[in-house]
C-alpha atoms as a PDB file:
ATOM      1  CA  MET A   1     116.023 -86.715 -39.596  1.00  0.00           C
ATOM      2  CA  ASN A   2     112.285 -86.396 -39.403  1.00  0.00           C
ATOM      3  CA  HIS A   3     110.394 -88.884 -37.345  1.00  0.00           C
ATOM      4  CA  SER A   4     106.910 -89.969 -38.042  1.00  0.00           C
ATOM      5  CA  PRO A   5     104.475 -89.272 -35.257  1.00  0.00           C
ATOM      6  CA  TRP A   6     103.754 -92.983 -35.321  1.00  0.00           C
ATOM      7  CA  GLU A   7     107.334 -93.895 -34.450  1.00  0.00           C
ATOM      8  CA  GLY A   8     109.701 -93.611 -31.495  1.00  0.00           C
ATOM      9  CA  ASN A   9     109.409 -95.201 -28.069  1.00  0.00           C
ATOM     10  CA  ASN A  10     110.368 -91.934 -26.314  1.00  0.00           C
ATOM     11  CA  ARG A  11     107.597 -89.943 -27.925  1.00  0.00           C
ATOM     12  CA  LYS A  12     103.960 -89.716 -26.785  1.00  0.00           C
ATOM     13  CA  ARG A  13     101.728 -91.481 -29.279  1.00  0.00           C
ATOM     14  CA  TYR A  14      99.285 -89.562 -31.516  1.00  0.00           C
ATOM     15  CA  PRO A  15     100.554 -86.024 -30.771  1.00  0.00           C
ATOM     16  CA  LEU A  16      98.880 -84.540 -33.868  1.00  0.00           C
ATOM     17  CA  PHE A  17      95.402 -85.858 -33.037  1.00  0.00           C
ATOM     18  CA  LYS A  18      95.134 -85.830 -29.290  1.00  0.00           C
ATOM     19  CA  PHE A  19      94.190 -82.172 -28.685  1.00  0.00           C
ATOM     20  CA  PRO A  20      91.810 -81.779 -31.670  1.00  0.00           C
ATOM     21  CA  LEU A  21      90.045 -84.962 -30.575  1.00  0.00           C
ATOM     22  CA  LEU A  22      89.736 -83.749 -26.993  1.00  0.00           C
ATOM     23  CA  LEU A  23      88.467 -80.397 -28.241  1.00  0.00           C
ATOM     24  CA  LEU A  24      85.872 -82.114 -30.414  1.00  0.00           C
ATOM     25  CA  LEU A  25      84.679 -84.280 -27.526  1.00  0.00           C
ATOM     26  CA  LEU A  26      84.478 -81.216 -25.291  1.00  0.00           C
ATOM     27  CA  VAL A  27      82.343 -79.349 -27.836  1.00  0.00           C
ATOM     28  CA  VAL A  28      79.991 -82.335 -28.231  1.00  0.00           C
ATOM     29  CA  PHE A  29      79.663 -82.679 -24.435  1.00  0.00           C
ATOM     30  CA  VAL A  30      78.918 -78.985 -23.981  1.00  0.00           C
ATOM     31  CA  ARG A  31      76.237 -79.057 -26.682  1.00  0.00           C
ATOM     32  CA  LEU A  32      74.606 -82.199 -25.289  1.00  0.00           C
ATOM     33  CA  ARG A  33      74.691 -80.786 -21.777  1.00  0.00           C
ATOM     34  CA  SER A  34      73.197 -77.511 -22.952  1.00  0.00           C
ATOM     35  CA  GLY A  35      70.383 -79.402 -24.674  1.00  0.00           C
ATOM     36  CA  GLN A  36      69.680 -81.405 -21.514  1.00  0.00           C
ATOM     37  CA  LEU A  37      69.627 -78.271 -19.376  1.00  0.00           C
ATOM     38  CA  PHE A  38      67.318 -76.548 -21.844  1.00  0.00           C
ATOM     39  CA  ALA A  39      64.955 -79.531 -21.900  1.00  0.00           C
ATOM     40  CA  ALA A  40      64.970 -79.706 -18.095  1.00  0.00           C
ATOM     41  CA  SER A  41      64.265 -75.977 -17.962  1.00  0.00           C
ATOM     42  CA  GLU A  42      61.347 -76.385 -20.368  1.00  0.00           C
ATOM     43  CA  GLU A  43      59.972 -79.292 -18.306  1.00  0.00           C
ATOM     44  CA  ARG A  44      60.128 -77.205 -15.140  1.00  0.00           C
ATOM     45  CA  LYS A  45      58.458 -74.336 -16.969  1.00  0.00           C
ATOM     46  CA  GLN A  46      55.667 -76.590 -18.257  1.00  0.00           C
ATOM     47  CA  ALA A  47      55.207 -78.111 -14.800  1.00  0.00           C
ATOM     48  CA  THR A  48      54.918 -74.637 -13.339  1.00  0.00           C
ATOM     49  CA  ILE A  49      52.331 -73.692 -15.944  1.00  0.00           C
ATOM     50  CA  SER A  50      50.264 -76.810 -15.237  1.00  0.00           C
ATOM     51  CA  VAL A  51      50.290 -76.087 -11.521  1.00  0.00           C
ATOM     52  CA  THR A  52      49.595 -72.374 -11.641  1.00  0.00           C
ATOM     53  CA  THR A  53      46.961 -72.402 -14.407  1.00  0.00           C
ATOM     54  CA  ASP A  54      43.414 -72.810 -13.032  1.00  0.00           C
ATOM     55  CA  LEU A  55      41.549 -74.592 -15.803  1.00  0.00           C
ATOM     56  CA  VAL A  56      37.784 -74.404 -15.342  1.00  0.00           C
ATOM     57  CA  VAL A  57      36.193 -77.455 -16.998  1.00  0.00           C
ATOM     58  CA  LEU A  58      32.494 -77.384 -17.883  1.00  0.00           C
ATOM     59  CA  PRO A  59      30.345 -80.344 -18.958  1.00  0.00           C
ATOM     60  CA  VAL A  60      27.711 -78.728 -21.195  1.00  0.00           C
ATOM     61  CA  ASN A  61      24.464 -80.225 -22.487  1.00  0.00           C
ATOM     62  CA  VAL A  62      22.856 -78.692 -25.585  1.00  0.00           C
ATOM     63  CA  THR A  63      19.319 -79.751 -26.525  1.00  0.00           C
ATOM     64  CA  ASP A  64      16.769 -78.648 -29.101  1.00  0.00           C
ATOM     65  CA  SER A  65      13.151 -77.643 -28.559  1.00  0.00           C
ATOM     66  CA  SER A  66      12.120 -81.295 -28.254  1.00  0.00           C
ATOM     67  CA  GLY A  67      14.761 -82.025 -25.588  1.00  0.00           C
ATOM     68  CA  ALA A  68      17.017 -84.061 -27.896  1.00  0.00           C
ATOM     69  CA  PHE A  69      20.798 -83.709 -27.705  1.00  0.00           C
ATOM     70  CA  VAL A  70      22.318 -81.566 -30.487  1.00  0.00           C
ATOM     71  CA  PRO A  71      25.556 -83.164 -31.761  1.00  0.00           C
ATOM     72  CA  GLY A  72      28.136 -81.805 -34.179  1.00  0.00           C
ATOM     73  CA  LEU A  73      28.583 -78.315 -32.758  1.00  0.00           C
ATOM     74  CA  GLN A  74      32.070 -76.807 -33.052  1.00  0.00           C
ATOM     75  CA  LYS A  75      34.215 -74.747 -30.703  1.00  0.00           C
ATOM     76  CA  GLN A  76      33.377 -71.503 -32.484  1.00  0.00           C
ATOM     77  CA  HIS A  77      29.676 -71.990 -31.741  1.00  0.00           C
ATOM     78  CA  PHE A  78      30.197 -71.595 -27.970  1.00  0.00           C
ATOM     79  CA  ARG A  79      30.578 -68.429 -25.912  1.00  0.00           C
ATOM     80  CA  VAL A  80      31.574 -68.798 -22.253  1.00  0.00           C
ATOM     81  CA  TYR A  81      31.301 -65.916 -19.814  1.00  0.00           C
ATOM     82  CA  GLU A  82      32.638 -65.674 -16.263  1.00  0.00           C
ATOM     83  CA  ASP A  83      31.145 -62.828 -14.257  1.00  0.00           C
ATOM     84  CA  GLY A  84      30.056 -61.315 -17.576  1.00  0.00           C
ATOM     85  CA  ALA A  85      33.537 -61.417 -19.185  1.00  0.00           C
ATOM     86  CA  LEU A  86      34.017 -63.475 -22.346  1.00  0.00           C
ATOM     87  CA  GLN A  87      36.587 -66.257 -21.860  1.00  0.00           C
ATOM     88  CA  LYS A  88      38.962 -67.867 -24.357  1.00  0.00           C
ATOM     89  CA  LEU A  89      38.354 -71.600 -24.680  1.00  0.00           C
ATOM     90  CA  SER A  90      41.462 -73.770 -24.381  1.00  0.00           C
ATOM     91  CA  LEU A  91      39.605 -77.108 -24.213  1.00  0.00           C
ATOM     92  CA  PHE A  92      36.795 -78.426 -26.394  1.00  0.00           C
ATOM     93  CA  THR A  93      35.614 -81.995 -26.912  1.00  0.00           C
ATOM     94  CA  GLU A  94      32.454 -83.821 -27.870  1.00  0.00           C
ATOM     95  CA  GLU A  95      32.800 -87.439 -26.846  1.00  0.00           C
ATOM     96  CA  ASP A  96      31.461 -90.073 -24.500  1.00  0.00           C
ATOM     97  CA  THR A  97      34.042 -89.815 -21.731  1.00  0.00           C
ATOM     98  CA  PRO A  98      34.074 -92.212 -18.735  1.00  0.00           C
ATOM     99  CA  VAL A  99      32.631 -90.936 -15.470  1.00  0.00           C
ATOM    100  CA  THR A 100      33.155 -91.649 -11.779  1.00  0.00           C
ATOM    101  CA  VAL A 101      29.617 -91.983 -10.415  1.00  0.00           C
ATOM    102  CA  GLY A 102      28.279 -92.239  -6.892  1.00  0.00           C
ATOM    103  CA  LEU A 103      24.837 -93.855  -6.565  1.00  0.00           C
ATOM    104  CA  LEU A 104      23.167 -92.570  -3.398  1.00  0.00           C
ATOM    105  CA  VAL A 105      20.255 -94.725  -2.237  1.00  0.00           C
ATOM    106  CA  ASP A 106      17.892 -93.571   0.509  1.00  0.00           C
ATOM    107  CA  HIS A 107      16.824 -96.532   2.658  1.00  0.00           C
ATOM    108  CA  SER A 108      15.084 -94.643   5.434  1.00  0.00           C
ATOM    109  CA  ARG A 109      11.790 -96.017   6.740  1.00  0.00           C
ATOM    110  CA  SER A 110       9.723 -93.833   4.395  1.00  0.00           C
ATOM    111  CA  MET A 111      11.438 -95.417   1.383  1.00  0.00           C
ATOM    112  CA  GLY A 112      10.525 -99.003   2.295  1.00  0.00           C
ATOM    113  CA  PRO A 113       7.775 -99.613  -0.293  1.00  0.00           C
ATOM    114  CA  LYS A 114       9.900 -98.009  -3.027  1.00  0.00           C
ATOM    115  CA  LEU A 115      13.160 -99.948  -2.570  1.00  0.00           C
ATOM    116  CA  PRO A 116      12.491-102.766  -5.100  1.00  0.00           C
ATOM    117  CA  GLU A 117      11.831-100.171  -7.812  1.00  0.00           C
ATOM    118  CA  VAL A 118      14.896 -98.188  -6.703  1.00  0.00           C
ATOM    119  CA  ARG A 119      17.142-101.259  -7.039  1.00  0.00           C
ATOM    120  CA  ALA A 120      15.801-101.854 -10.537  1.00  0.00           C
ATOM    121  CA  ALA A 121      16.453 -98.231 -11.484  1.00  0.00           C
ATOM    122  CA  VAL A 122      20.056 -98.303 -10.239  1.00  0.00           C
ATOM    123  CA  SER A 123      20.637-101.529 -12.167  1.00  0.00           C
ATOM    124  CA  THR A 124      19.235 -99.928 -15.321  1.00  0.00           C
ATOM    125  CA  PHE A 125      21.517 -96.933 -14.865  1.00  0.00           C
ATOM    126  CA  ALA A 126      24.575 -99.172 -14.545  1.00  0.00           C
ATOM    127  CA  HIS A 127      23.632-101.174 -17.655  1.00  0.00           C
ATOM    128  CA  SER A 128      23.161 -97.938 -19.653  1.00  0.00           C
ATOM    129  CA  SER A 129      26.479 -96.360 -18.655  1.00  0.00           C
ATOM    130  CA  ASN A 130      29.843 -96.252 -20.392  1.00  0.00           C
ATOM    131  CA  LEU A 131      31.667 -99.558 -19.914  1.00  0.00           C
ATOM    132  CA  GLU A 132      34.641 -97.645 -18.490  1.00  0.00           C
ATOM    133  CA  ASP A 133      32.621 -95.788 -15.856  1.00  0.00           C
ATOM    134  CA  GLU A 134      33.598 -96.487 -12.258  1.00  0.00           C
ATOM    135  CA  MET A 135      30.791 -96.540  -9.702  1.00  0.00           C
ATOM    136  CA  PHE A 136      30.112 -96.890  -6.010  1.00  0.00           C
ATOM    137  CA  VAL A 137      27.025 -97.098  -3.790  1.00  0.00           C
ATOM    138  CA  VAL A 138      26.242 -94.917  -0.774  1.00  0.00           C
ATOM    139  CA  ASP A 139      23.272 -96.039   1.307  1.00  0.00           C
ATOM    140  CA  PHE A 140      21.862 -93.849   4.008  1.00  0.00           C
ATOM    141  CA  SER A 141      19.186 -93.624   6.674  1.00  0.00           C
ATOM    142  CA  ASP A 142      20.177 -92.291  10.113  1.00  0.00           C
ATOM    143  CA  HIS A 143      23.764 -93.111   9.205  1.00  0.00           C
ATOM    144  CA  VAL A 144      25.742 -93.059   5.981  1.00  0.00           C
ATOM    145  CA  SER A 145      27.824 -95.934   4.669  1.00  0.00           C
ATOM    146  CA  ILE A 146      29.636 -96.780   1.463  1.00  0.00           C
ATOM    147  CA  GLU A 147      28.766-100.310   0.398  1.00  0.00           C
ATOM    148  CA  PRO A 148      31.696-102.757   0.012  1.00  0.00           C
ATOM    149  CA  LEU A 149      32.400-103.687  -3.614  1.00  0.00           C
ATOM    150  CA  SER A 150      34.486-106.850  -3.412  1.00  0.00           C
ATOM    151  CA  GLY A 151      37.209-104.976  -1.557  1.00  0.00           C
ATOM    152  CA  LYS A 152      37.429-102.138  -4.078  1.00  0.00           C
ATOM    153  CA  ALA A 153      36.513 -98.450  -3.837  1.00  0.00           C
ATOM    154  CA  PHE A 154      34.822 -98.522  -7.271  1.00  0.00           C
ATOM    155  CA  THR A 155      33.542-101.050  -9.754  1.00  0.00           C
ATOM    156  CA  SER A 156      32.380-101.276 -13.366  1.00  0.00           C
ATOM    157  CA  ASP A 157      30.766-104.662 -12.744  1.00  0.00           C
ATOM    158  CA  VAL A 158      26.956-104.388 -12.695  1.00  0.00           C
ATOM    159  CA  LYS A 159      26.582-107.667 -10.802  1.00  0.00           C
ATOM    160  CA  ILE A 160      28.744-106.375  -7.946  1.00  0.00           C
ATOM    161  CA  LEU A 161      26.613-103.213  -7.768  1.00  0.00           C
ATOM    162  CA  GLU A 162      23.393-105.219  -7.724  1.00  0.00           C
ATOM    163  CA  LYS A 163      24.754-107.431  -4.948  1.00  0.00           C
ATOM    164  CA  ALA A 164      25.592-104.334  -2.869  1.00  0.00           C
ATOM    165  CA  LEU A 165      22.021-103.077  -3.266  1.00  0.00           C
ATOM    166  CA  LEU A 166      20.421-106.345  -2.161  1.00  0.00           C
ATOM    167  CA  GLY A 167      21.717-105.928   1.383  1.00  0.00           C
ATOM    168  CA  ILE A 168      19.902-102.629   1.878  1.00  0.00           C
ATOM    169  CA  SER A 169      16.746-102.590   4.028  1.00  0.00           C
ATOM    170  CA  ALA A 170      14.511 -99.664   5.005  1.00  0.00           C
ATOM    171  CA  GLN A 171      14.860 -98.289   8.525  1.00  0.00           C
ATOM    172  CA  GLY A 172      15.392 -95.118  10.540  1.00  0.00           C
ATOM    173  CA  GLN A 173      15.351 -91.484   9.529  1.00  0.00           C
ATOM    174  CA  THR A 174      17.116 -89.633   6.687  1.00  0.00           C
ATOM    175  CA  ALA A 175      20.623 -88.113   6.702  1.00  0.00           C
ATOM    176  CA  LEU A 176      20.428 -86.963   3.089  1.00  0.00           C
ATOM    177  CA  TYR A 177      22.820 -84.004   3.291  1.00  0.00           C
ATOM    178  CA  ASP A 178      25.468 -86.067   5.086  1.00  0.00           C
ATOM    179  CA  ALA A 179      25.127 -88.738   2.389  1.00  0.00           C
ATOM    180  CA  VAL A 180      25.696 -86.227  -0.413  1.00  0.00           C
ATOM    181  CA  GLY A 181      28.698 -84.843   1.469  1.00  0.00           C
ATOM    182  CA  GLU A 182      30.137 -88.343   1.869  1.00  0.00           C
ATOM    183  CA  GLY A 183      29.533 -89.016  -1.815  1.00  0.00           C
ATOM    184  CA  LEU A 184      31.394 -85.843  -2.793  1.00  0.00           C
ATOM    185  CA  LYS A 185      34.265 -86.891  -0.556  1.00  0.00           C
ATOM    186  CA  HIS A 186      34.512 -90.415  -2.017  1.00  0.00           C
ATOM    187  CA  LEU A 187      34.423 -89.055  -5.565  1.00  0.00           C
ATOM    188  CA  GLN A 188      37.797 -87.429  -4.908  1.00  0.00           C
ATOM    189  CA  LEU A 189      39.314 -90.931  -4.960  1.00  0.00           C
ATOM    190  CA  GLY A 190      38.018 -91.568  -8.477  1.00  0.00           C
ATOM    191  CA  THR A 191      40.278 -91.690 -11.526  1.00  0.00           C
ATOM    192  CA  ARG A 192      37.864 -90.268 -14.132  1.00  0.00           C
ATOM    193  CA  ASP A 193      37.999 -86.567 -15.007  1.00  0.00           C
ATOM    194  CA  LYS A 194      34.211 -86.247 -15.072  1.00  0.00           C
ATOM    195  CA  LYS A 195      32.381 -86.962 -11.811  1.00  0.00           C
ATOM    196  CA  ALA A 196      28.704 -87.216 -10.890  1.00  0.00           C
ATOM    197  CA  LEU A 197      26.294 -88.177  -8.136  1.00  0.00           C
ATOM    198  CA  VAL A 198      22.886 -89.771  -8.739  1.00  0.00           C
ATOM    199  CA  ILE A 199      20.550 -89.486  -5.730  1.00  0.00           C
ATOM    200  CA  VAL A 200      17.406 -91.566  -5.293  1.00  0.00           C
ATOM    201  CA  SER A 201      15.431 -90.264  -2.333  1.00  0.00           C
ATOM    202  CA  ASP A 202      12.130 -88.805  -1.182  1.00  0.00           C
ATOM    203  CA  GLY A 203      13.997 -85.510  -0.773  1.00  0.00           C
ATOM    204  CA  GLY A 204      13.680 -85.318   2.980  1.00  0.00           C
ATOM    205  CA  ASP A 205      16.342 -84.739   5.629  1.00  0.00           C
ATOM    206  CA  ASN A 206      15.854 -85.014   9.378  1.00  0.00           C
ATOM    207  CA  ALA A 207      19.097 -86.555  10.636  1.00  0.00           C
ATOM    208  CA  SER A 208      22.076 -84.790   9.000  1.00  0.00           C
ATOM    209  CA  ARG A 209      24.824 -82.888  10.770  1.00  0.00           C
ATOM    210  CA  LEU A 210      25.603 -80.966   7.601  1.00  0.00           C
ATOM    211  CA  LYS A 211      23.379 -77.992   6.914  1.00  0.00           C
ATOM    212  CA  TYR A 212      22.037 -77.333   3.442  1.00  0.00           C
ATOM    213  CA  SER A 213      24.127 -74.160   3.187  1.00  0.00           C
ATOM    214  CA  ASP A 214      27.271 -76.245   3.903  1.00  0.00           C
ATOM    215  CA  LEU A 215      26.260 -78.755   1.261  1.00  0.00           C
ATOM    216  CA  LEU A 216      25.670 -76.078  -1.355  1.00  0.00           C
ATOM    217  CA  LEU A 217      29.126 -74.672  -0.645  1.00  0.00           C
ATOM    218  CA  LEU A 218      30.714 -78.108  -1.090  1.00  0.00           C
ATOM    219  CA  ALA A 219      28.850 -78.708  -4.342  1.00  0.00           C
ATOM    220  CA  ARG A 220      29.996 -75.371  -5.771  1.00  0.00           C
ATOM    221  CA  ARG A 221      33.611 -76.252  -4.986  1.00  0.00           C
ATOM    222  CA  SER A 222      33.457 -79.848  -6.185  1.00  0.00           C
ATOM    223  CA  HIS A 223      32.709 -79.397  -9.935  1.00  0.00           C
ATOM    224  CA  VAL A 224      30.514 -82.519  -9.676  1.00  0.00           C
ATOM    225  CA  LEU A 225      27.317 -83.014 -11.659  1.00  0.00           C
ATOM    226  CA  ILE A 226      24.408 -83.942  -9.374  1.00  0.00           C
ATOM    227  CA  TYR A 227      21.218 -85.641 -10.539  1.00  0.00           C
ATOM    228  CA  SER A 228      18.302 -86.747  -8.400  1.00  0.00           C
ATOM    229  CA  ILE A 229      15.171 -88.849  -8.687  1.00  0.00           C
ATOM    230  CA  VAL A 230      12.852 -87.448  -6.034  1.00  0.00           C
ATOM    231  CA  LEU A 231      10.183 -89.938  -4.976  1.00  0.00           C
ATOM    232  CA  ALA A 232       8.186 -87.478  -2.902  1.00  0.00           C
ATOM    233  CA  GLY A 233       4.854 -88.421  -1.375  1.00  0.00           C
ATOM    234  CA  ASN A 234       2.219 -86.431   0.420  1.00  0.00           C
ATOM    235  CA  SER A 235       2.542 -87.636   3.996  1.00  0.00           C
ATOM    236  CA  GLU A 236       6.183 -87.097   4.960  1.00  0.00           C
ATOM    237  CA  GLU A 237       6.646 -83.784   6.718  1.00  0.00           C
ATOM    238  CA  GLU A 238      10.431 -83.888   6.440  1.00  0.00           C
ATOM    239  CA  GLU A 239      10.359 -83.927   2.654  1.00  0.00           C
ATOM    240  CA  ASN A 240      11.978 -80.901   1.025  1.00  0.00           C
ATOM    241  CA  PRO A 241      12.372 -81.881  -2.635  1.00  0.00           C
ATOM    242  CA  ARG A 242      13.048 -78.326  -3.808  1.00  0.00           C
ATOM    243  CA  ALA A 243      16.356 -78.363  -1.916  1.00  0.00           C
ATOM    244  CA  LEU A 244      17.550 -81.205  -4.154  1.00  0.00           C
ATOM    245  CA  GLU A 245      16.208 -79.435  -7.217  1.00  0.00           C
ATOM    246  CA  ARG A 246      18.305 -76.354  -6.467  1.00  0.00           C
ATOM    247  CA  LEU A 247      21.389 -78.477  -5.762  1.00  0.00           C
ATOM    248  CA  CYS A 248      21.067 -80.212  -9.133  1.00  0.00           C
ATOM    249  CA  LYS A 249      20.513 -76.952 -11.014  1.00  0.00           C
ATOM    250  CA  GLU A 250      23.560 -75.335  -9.384  1.00  0.00           C
ATOM    251  CA  THR A 251      25.820 -78.168 -10.598  1.00  0.00           C
ATOM    252  CA  GLY A 252      24.408 -78.599 -14.118  1.00  0.00           C
ATOM    253  CA  GLY A 253      22.403 -81.732 -13.383  1.00  0.00           C
ATOM    254  CA  ILE A 254      18.656 -82.377 -13.321  1.00  0.00           C
ATOM    255  CA  ALA A 255      16.127 -83.199 -10.605  1.00  0.00           C
ATOM    256  CA  PHE A 256      13.329 -85.543 -11.704  1.00  0.00           C
ATOM    257  CA  PHE A 257       9.959 -85.744  -9.957  1.00  0.00           C
ATOM    258  CA  PRO A 258       8.253 -88.851 -11.357  1.00  0.00           C
ATOM    259  CA  HIS A 259       4.515 -89.409 -11.101  1.00  0.00           C
ATOM    260  CA  ASP A 260       3.152 -92.661  -9.773  1.00  0.00           C
ATOM    261  CA  SER A 261       2.629 -93.930 -13.309  1.00  0.00           C
ATOM    262  CA  GLN A 262       6.226 -93.223 -14.380  1.00  0.00           C
ATOM    263  CA  ASN A 263       8.854 -95.922 -14.416  1.00  0.00           C
ATOM    264  CA  ILE A 264      11.923 -94.611 -12.585  1.00  0.00           C
ATOM    265  CA  SER A 265      14.114 -97.080 -14.459  1.00  0.00           C
ATOM    266  CA  ASP A 266      13.378 -95.059 -17.606  1.00  0.00           C
ATOM    267  CA  ILE A 267      14.496 -91.915 -15.758  1.00  0.00           C
ATOM    268  CA  ALA A 268      17.696 -93.628 -14.609  1.00  0.00           C
ATOM    269  CA  LYS A 269      18.412 -94.588 -18.216  1.00  0.00           C
ATOM    270  CA  SER A 270      17.907 -90.983 -19.350  1.00  0.00           C
ATOM    271  CA  ILE A 271      20.392 -89.780 -16.704  1.00  0.00           C
ATOM    272  CA  ALA A 272      22.991 -92.235 -17.981  1.00  0.00           C
ATOM    273  CA  GLN A 273      22.345 -90.978 -21.516  1.00  0.00           C
ATOM    274  CA  ASP A 274      22.608 -87.350 -20.379  1.00  0.00           C
ATOM    275  CA  LEU A 275      26.060 -88.015 -18.920  1.00  0.00           C
ATOM    276  CA  ARG A 276      27.191 -89.542 -22.201  1.00  0.00           C
ATOM    277  CA  GLU A 277      25.864 -86.772 -24.460  1.00  0.00           C
ATOM    278  CA  GLN A 278      27.835 -83.744 -23.389  1.00  0.00           C
ATOM    279  CA  TYR A 279      30.350 -81.236 -24.668  1.00  0.00           C
ATOM    280  CA  THR A 280      33.352 -80.507 -22.476  1.00  0.00           C
ATOM    281  CA  LEU A 281      34.599 -76.919 -22.465  1.00  0.00           C
ATOM    282  CA  GLY A 282      37.577 -75.548 -20.576  1.00  0.00           C
ATOM    283  CA  TYR A 283      39.173 -72.160 -20.032  1.00  0.00           C
ATOM    284  CA  ALA A 284      41.749 -70.471 -17.804  1.00  0.00           C
ATOM    285  CA  PRO A 285      40.127 -67.414 -16.184  1.00  0.00           C
ATOM    286  CA  GLU A 286      41.779 -64.118 -17.071  1.00  0.00           C
ATOM    287  CA  LYS A 287      41.347 -63.057 -13.458  1.00  0.00           C
ATOM    288  CA  ARG A 288      42.676 -65.535 -10.900  1.00  0.00           C
ATOM    289  CA  PRO A 289      39.709 -66.814  -8.856  1.00  0.00           C
ATOM    290  CA  ASN A 290      39.355 -65.768  -5.243  1.00  0.00           C
ATOM    291  CA  GLY A 291      38.362 -68.725  -3.091  1.00  0.00           C
ATOM    292  CA  ASN A 292      36.018 -66.516  -1.088  1.00  0.00           C
ATOM    293  CA  SER A 293      33.890 -65.375  -4.025  1.00  0.00           C
ATOM    294  CA  PHE A 294      31.412 -67.176  -6.245  1.00  0.00           C
ATOM    295  CA  ARG A 295      32.197 -66.872  -9.960  1.00  0.00           C
ATOM    296  CA  LYS A 296      29.087 -66.901 -12.157  1.00  0.00           C
ATOM    297  CA  ILE A 297      29.218 -68.824 -15.422  1.00  0.00           C
ATOM    298  CA  ALA A 298      27.037 -68.435 -18.508  1.00  0.00           C
ATOM    299  CA  VAL A 299      27.355 -70.472 -21.710  1.00  0.00           C
ATOM    300  CA  ARG A 300      25.666 -69.446 -24.957  1.00  0.00           C
ATOM    301  CA  VAL A 301      25.520 -71.237 -28.285  1.00  0.00           C
ATOM    302  CA  GLU A 302      25.394 -69.349 -31.573  1.00  0.00           C
ATOM    303  CA  ALA A 303      24.681 -71.921 -34.272  1.00  0.00           C
ATOM    304  CA  PRO A 304      22.844 -70.808 -37.430  1.00  0.00           C
ATOM    305  CA  HIS A 305      19.997 -72.987 -38.732  1.00  0.00           C
ATOM    306  CA  GLN A 306      19.741 -74.913 -35.440  1.00  0.00           C
ATOM    307  CA  GLY A 307      16.693 -73.103 -34.102  1.00  0.00           C
ATOM    308  CA  HIS A 308      16.256 -72.353 -30.409  1.00  0.00           C
ATOM    309  CA  LEU A 309      18.734 -74.341 -28.312  1.00  0.00           C
ATOM    310  CA  HIS A 310      18.733 -74.940 -24.572  1.00  0.00           C
ATOM    311  CA  VAL A 311      22.153 -74.925 -22.869  1.00  0.00           C
ATOM    312  CA  ARG A 312      22.710 -76.461 -19.450  1.00  0.00           C
ATOM    313  CA  THR A 313      25.840 -76.322 -17.297  1.00  0.00           C
ATOM    314  CA  ARG A 314      26.632 -75.372 -13.731  1.00  0.00           C
ATOM    315  CA  THR A 315      25.787 -71.851 -12.630  1.00  0.00           C
ATOM    316  CA  GLY A 316      29.292 -71.085 -11.342  1.00  0.00           C
ATOM    317  CA  TYR A 317      32.023 -72.232  -9.006  1.00  0.00           C
ATOM    318  CA  LEU A 318      34.037 -71.475  -5.907  1.00  0.00           C
ATOM    319  CA  ALA A 319      37.808 -71.883  -6.137  1.00  0.00           C
ATOM    320  CA  PRO A 320      39.293 -74.312  -3.573  1.00  0.00           C
ATOM    321  CA  THR A 321      40.980 -72.755  -0.556  1.00  0.00           C
ATOM    322  CA  GLY A 322      43.762 -73.987   1.673  1.00  0.00           C
ATOM    323  CA  LYS A 323      41.503 -73.963   4.708  1.00  0.00           C
ATOM    324  CA  ALA A 324      39.860 -77.113   6.007  1.00  0.00           C
ATOM    325  CA  SER A 325      36.462 -77.445   4.406  1.00  0.00           C
ATOM    326  CA  ALA A 326      33.209 -78.602   5.885  1.00  0.00           C
ATOM    327  CA  LEU A 327      33.661 -81.763   3.828  1.00  0.00           C
ATOM    328  CA  GLN A 328      37.006 -82.536   5.459  1.00  0.00           C
ATOM    329  CA  SER A 329      35.645 -81.899   8.915  1.00  0.00           C
ATOM    330  CA  MET A 330      32.637 -84.053   8.188  1.00  0.00           C
ATOM    331  CA  GLY A 331      34.977 -86.954   7.464  1.00  0.00           C
ATOM    332  CA  ASP A 332      35.899 -87.013  11.144  1.00  0.00           C
ATOM    333  CA  ARG A 333      32.301 -87.566  12.149  1.00  0.00           C
ATOM    334  CA  HIS A 334      31.736 -90.865  10.365  1.00  0.00           C
END
């Protein structure tokens, strides 16, 4: 007599379906597990790529013969060279990206008569910037200090910036190089990919511990754009405005030397505009950079029917090293 698999108290229930069902579940589990392991492997691989790839990012300004920004250029119009070797671009954008900006204000004794105009210029810069920019104020004379901004490291609130500037009075000598070094250090805390310093000073330095050669090294490693408004006079022996000019040129920024009749607020506005009208190019060097060597960069634009174009970016870079830098050691002094 045949018994149904569904009958009989002495028989195990579902004998015809138990093993196929278990086999099916096992196959599904193995496939799911394999997919998870593959995905995890891909994530680890991507993480490794992101860590080991040294992407060099260049903010690039392109202007015509009249000095006006040239929009609408495409990736194929740009040629980037590192130490003379053409590089393959992996990043290209033309957009107004937010910036982390340090505003460095010289309040040494020689700057006393100029401070009201300087405050107005910094306020104009802040009003002309991207609403998502984050800013901070470094004031310096003999000593360097970062102004408190309602308990925050950065602010986008113009009123808070203006309040920080009101407490500044002119006194003492000028630790310009230390101030730039401190600004570069504080920028590392910023959350924006693009970073810049705007210096308003007479260009002199007679109180810094950092040497100019140290500062130039830090700037080349920082990938920070540096601009300056140099209010140089004729009577201050410590003035060395050409040092700031070289620093700005090395980083892709501009040094301005206004005449007495020029309004520095207009210059501050043009700096804010310059930061907003840029192309961003990026590439992974074919040869891994050596932290002990300076890599020269040249950018050319080949755009038919555009006439003669002027291209500005930083002159090169130094790859970061694992050794303690002059910037880190300087942090112990203040």
